Amino acid sequence: MDYALLQKIYNIKSFVGYTDEEIKELRAGFESIPHTLYEIWKKCGKTSELFDHSNDPWITLDFQRRYKWTRKTKGYFYILNENQGVYQVAIRRADMAEDDPPVYVVETDEDGTVNEIG
């Protein structure tokens, strides 16, 4: 990850990362997570410039605490939510142990069925 580029693009003075306890809460229910995701959370997980001013918000710890649906669907780990909730971006639960897992665009039907659409 090119953190210097992120600082330049988002005008970030300093990064704020999650603590190990916060990361433990974020990854609850998952034996392992992609190393890259861990690194991003540790380095800049709470950096407001990256997450709070986005039209399609990233799933942060605060988001997970506020919106419990992110944990109800057990087949996926959600990382982004389109601003009207039409679709989400997620990693399949089965792929969470991979270092660089594929990321899917998904939508959830009213009955809770998750459909991969991209």
C-alpha atoms as a PDB file:
ATOM      1  CA  MET A   1       0.000   0.000   0.000  1.00  0.00           C
ATOM      2  CA  ASP A   2       1.338   3.409  -0.940  1.00  0.00           C
ATOM      3  CA  TYR A   3       0.484   5.370   2.217  1.00  0.00           C
ATOM      4  CA  ALA A   4       2.370   8.471   1.032  1.00  0.00           C
ATOM      5  CA  LEU A   5       0.087   8.625  -2.003  1.00  0.00           C
ATOM      6  CA  LEU A   6      -2.986   8.270   0.219  1.00  0.00           C
ATOM      7  CA  GLN A   7      -1.744  11.135   2.377  1.00  0.00           C
ATOM      8  CA  LYS A   8      -1.328  13.313  -0.687  1.00  0.00           C
ATOM      9  CA  ILE A   9      -4.655  12.443  -2.325  1.00  0.00           C
ATOM     10  CA  TYR A  10      -6.755  12.818   0.848  1.00  0.00           C
ATOM     11  CA  ASN A  11      -4.708  15.610   2.459  1.00  0.00           C
ATOM     12  CA  ILE A  12      -3.999  13.516   5.554  1.00  0.00           C
ATOM     13  CA  LYS A  13      -1.650  14.988   8.143  1.00  0.00           C
ATOM     14  CA  SER A  14      -1.304  11.727  10.071  1.00  0.00           C
ATOM     15  CA  PHE A  15      -2.864   8.291   9.998  1.00  0.00           C
ATOM     16  CA  VAL A  16      -4.865   6.876  12.889  1.00  0.00           C
ATOM     17  CA  GLY A  17      -5.053   3.094  13.108  1.00  0.00           C
ATOM     18  CA  TYR A  18      -7.147   0.655  15.080  1.00  0.00           C
ATOM     19  CA  THR A  19      -5.801  -0.925  18.256  1.00  0.00           C
ATOM     20  CA  ASP A  20      -5.395  -4.694  18.460  1.00  0.00           C
ATOM     21  CA  GLU A  21      -8.566  -4.849  20.597  1.00  0.00           C
ATOM     22  CA  GLU A  22     -10.558  -2.931  17.975  1.00  0.00           C
ATOM     23  CA  ILE A  23      -9.229  -5.193  15.229  1.00  0.00           C
ATOM     24  CA  LYS A  24     -10.251  -8.199  17.305  1.00  0.00           C
ATOM     25  CA  GLU A  25     -13.803  -6.813  17.448  1.00  0.00           C
ATOM     26  CA  LEU A  26     -13.822  -6.019  13.712  1.00  0.00           C
ATOM     27  CA  ARG A  27     -12.784  -9.531  12.759  1.00  0.00           C
ATOM     28  CA  ALA A  28     -15.084 -11.270  15.236  1.00  0.00           C
ATOM     29  CA  GLY A  29     -16.233 -14.606  13.851  1.00  0.00           C
ATOM     30  CA  PHE A  30     -13.288 -14.972  11.490  1.00  0.00           C
ATOM     31  CA  GLU A  31     -10.347 -17.198  12.356  1.00  0.00           C
ATOM     32  CA  SER A  32      -8.074 -15.299  10.018  1.00  0.00           C
ATOM     33  CA  ILE A  33      -8.229 -12.206   7.831  1.00  0.00           C
ATOM     34  CA  PRO A  34      -6.201 -11.090   4.823  1.00  0.00           C
ATOM     35  CA  HIS A  35      -2.847  -9.644   5.909  1.00  0.00           C
ATOM     36  CA  THR A  36      -3.365  -6.569   3.733  1.00  0.00           C
ATOM     37  CA  LEU A  37      -6.691  -5.800   5.430  1.00  0.00           C
ATOM     38  CA  TYR A  38      -5.015  -6.110   8.841  1.00  0.00           C
ATOM     39  CA  GLU A  39      -2.239  -3.742   7.761  1.00  0.00           C
ATOM     40  CA  ILE A  40      -4.721  -1.137   6.502  1.00  0.00           C
ATOM     41  CA  TRP A  41      -6.761  -1.304   9.729  1.00  0.00           C
ATOM     42  CA  LYS A  42      -3.611  -1.067  11.854  1.00  0.00           C
ATOM     43  CA  LYS A  43      -2.171   1.886   9.912  1.00  0.00           C
ATOM     44  CA  CYS A  44      -5.229   3.963   8.995  1.00  0.00           C
ATOM     45  CA  GLY A  45      -8.467   2.270  10.115  1.00  0.00           C
ATOM     46  CA  LYS A  46      -9.669   5.337  12.031  1.00  0.00           C
ATOM     47  CA  THR A  47      -8.358   8.020   9.672  1.00  0.00           C
ATOM     48  CA  SER A  48     -11.481  10.094   9.144  1.00  0.00           C
ATOM     49  CA  GLU A  49     -10.355  11.604   5.821  1.00  0.00           C
ATOM     50  CA  LEU A  50     -10.440   8.150   4.239  1.00  0.00           C
ATOM     51  CA  PHE A  51     -13.807   6.970   5.494  1.00  0.00           C
ATOM     52  CA  ASP A  52     -16.133   9.690   6.775  1.00  0.00           C
ATOM     53  CA  HIS A  53     -16.454  11.811   3.644  1.00  0.00           C
ATOM     54  CA  SER A  54     -17.108   9.102   1.099  1.00  0.00           C
ATOM     55  CA  ASN A  55     -20.337   8.849  -0.870  1.00  0.00           C
ATOM     56  CA  ASP A  56     -20.168   5.067  -0.466  1.00  0.00           C
ATOM     57  CA  PRO A  57     -18.918   4.499   3.077  1.00  0.00           C
ATOM     58  CA  TRP A  58     -16.384   1.876   4.026  1.00  0.00           C
ATOM     59  CA  ILE A  59     -17.462  -0.507   6.758  1.00  0.00           C
ATOM     60  CA  THR A  60     -15.555   0.727   9.793  1.00  0.00           C
ATOM     61  CA  LEU A  61     -15.824  -0.513  13.365  1.00  0.00           C
ATOM     62  CA  ASP A  62     -18.247   2.304  14.178  1.00  0.00           C
ATOM     63  CA  PHE A  63     -20.356   1.320  11.143  1.00  0.00           C
ATOM     64  CA  GLN A  64     -20.415  -2.318  12.297  1.00  0.00           C
ATOM     65  CA  ARG A  65     -21.473  -1.274  15.786  1.00  0.00           C
ATOM     66  CA  ARG A  66     -24.241   0.951  14.427  1.00  0.00           C
ATOM     67  CA  TYR A  67     -25.558  -1.355  11.680  1.00  0.00           C
ATOM     68  CA  LYS A  68     -25.823  -4.959  12.863  1.00  0.00           C
ATOM     69  CA  TRP A  69     -26.762  -6.318   9.401  1.00  0.00           C
ATOM     70  CA  THR A  70     -23.055  -6.436   8.576  1.00  0.00           C
ATOM     71  CA  ARG A  71     -22.726  -9.449  10.898  1.00  0.00           C
ATOM     72  CA  LYS A  72     -26.056 -11.151  10.186  1.00  0.00           C
ATOM     73  CA  THR A  73     -25.061 -12.448   6.776  1.00  0.00           C
ATOM     74  CA  LYS A  74     -22.505 -15.058   7.744  1.00  0.00           C
ATOM     75  CA  GLY A  75     -21.213 -15.874   4.255  1.00  0.00           C
ATOM     76  CA  TYR A  76     -19.454 -12.532   3.716  1.00  0.00           C
ATOM     77  CA  PHE A  77     -17.300  -9.904   5.347  1.00  0.00           C
ATOM     78  CA  TYR A  78     -18.559  -6.504   4.213  1.00  0.00           C
ATOM     79  CA  ILE A  79     -16.054  -3.772   3.452  1.00  0.00           C
ATOM     80  CA  LEU A  80     -18.121  -1.084   1.673  1.00  0.00           C
ATOM     81  CA  ASN A  81     -21.793  -0.103   1.564  1.00  0.00           C
ATOM     82  CA  GLU A  82     -23.237   1.862  -1.365  1.00  0.00           C
ATOM     83  CA  ASN A  83     -24.770   5.039   0.055  1.00  0.00           C
ATOM     84  CA  GLN A  84     -28.382   3.933  -0.533  1.00  0.00           C
ATOM     85  CA  GLY A  85     -27.757   0.339   0.454  1.00  0.00           C
ATOM     86  CA  VAL A  86     -28.417  -0.937  -3.077  1.00  0.00           C
ATOM     87  CA  TYR A  87     -25.236  -3.015  -3.123  1.00  0.00           C
ATOM     88  CA  GLN A  88     -22.275  -3.819  -0.934  1.00  0.00           C
ATOM     89  CA  VAL A  89     -18.680  -4.849  -1.525  1.00  0.00           C
ATOM     90  CA  ALA A  90     -17.603  -7.947   0.364  1.00  0.00           C
ATOM     91  CA  ILE A  91     -15.140 -10.794   0.712  1.00  0.00           C
ATOM     92  CA  ARG A  92     -16.495 -14.334   0.870  1.00  0.00           C
ATOM     93  CA  ARG A  93     -16.091 -15.878   4.314  1.00  0.00           C
ATOM     94  CA  ALA A  94     -14.367 -18.880   2.708  1.00  0.00           C
ATOM     95  CA  ASP A  95     -11.754 -16.550   1.170  1.00  0.00           C
ATOM     96  CA  MET A  96     -10.860 -14.611   4.331  1.00  0.00           C
ATOM     97  CA  ALA A  97      -7.765 -16.752   4.973  1.00  0.00           C
ATOM     98  CA  GLU A  98      -6.249 -15.790   1.592  1.00  0.00           C
ATOM     99  CA  ASP A  99      -3.644 -13.049   1.572  1.00  0.00           C
ATOM    100  CA  ASP A 100      -5.227 -11.284  -1.416  1.00  0.00           C
ATOM    101  CA  PRO A 101      -8.811 -12.568  -1.725  1.00  0.00           C
ATOM    102  CA  PRO A 102     -11.229 -11.647  -4.502  1.00  0.00           C
ATOM    103  CA  VAL A 103     -13.711  -8.908  -3.643  1.00  0.00           C
ATOM    104  CA  TYR A 104     -17.326  -9.108  -4.829  1.00  0.00           C
ATOM    105  CA  VAL A 105     -20.151  -6.678  -5.430  1.00  0.00           C
ATOM    106  CA  VAL A 106     -23.192  -8.201  -3.715  1.00  0.00           C
ATOM    107  CA  GLU A 107     -26.828  -7.386  -3.121  1.00  0.00           C
ATOM    108  CA  THR A 108     -29.064  -8.869  -0.482  1.00  0.00           C
ATOM    109  CA  ASP A 109     -32.682  -9.849  -1.144  1.00  0.00           C
ATOM    110  CA  GLU A 110     -35.392  -9.137   1.431  1.00  0.00           C
ATOM    111  CA  ASP A 111     -35.252 -12.797   2.524  1.00  0.00           C
ATOM    112  CA  GLY A 112     -31.516 -12.442   3.325  1.00  0.00           C
ATOM    113  CA  THR A 113     -30.222 -14.230   0.229  1.00  0.00           C
ATOM    114  CA  VAL A 114     -26.962 -12.697  -0.969  1.00  0.00           C
ATOM    115  CA  ASN A 115     -26.376 -12.484  -4.717  1.00  0.00           C
ATOM    116  CA  GLU A 116     -22.968 -11.822  -6.244  1.00  0.00           C
ATOM    117  CA  ILE A 117     -23.481  -9.353  -9.073  1.00  0.00           C
ATOM    118  CA  GLY A 118     -19.916  -8.407  -9.878  1.00  0.00           C
END
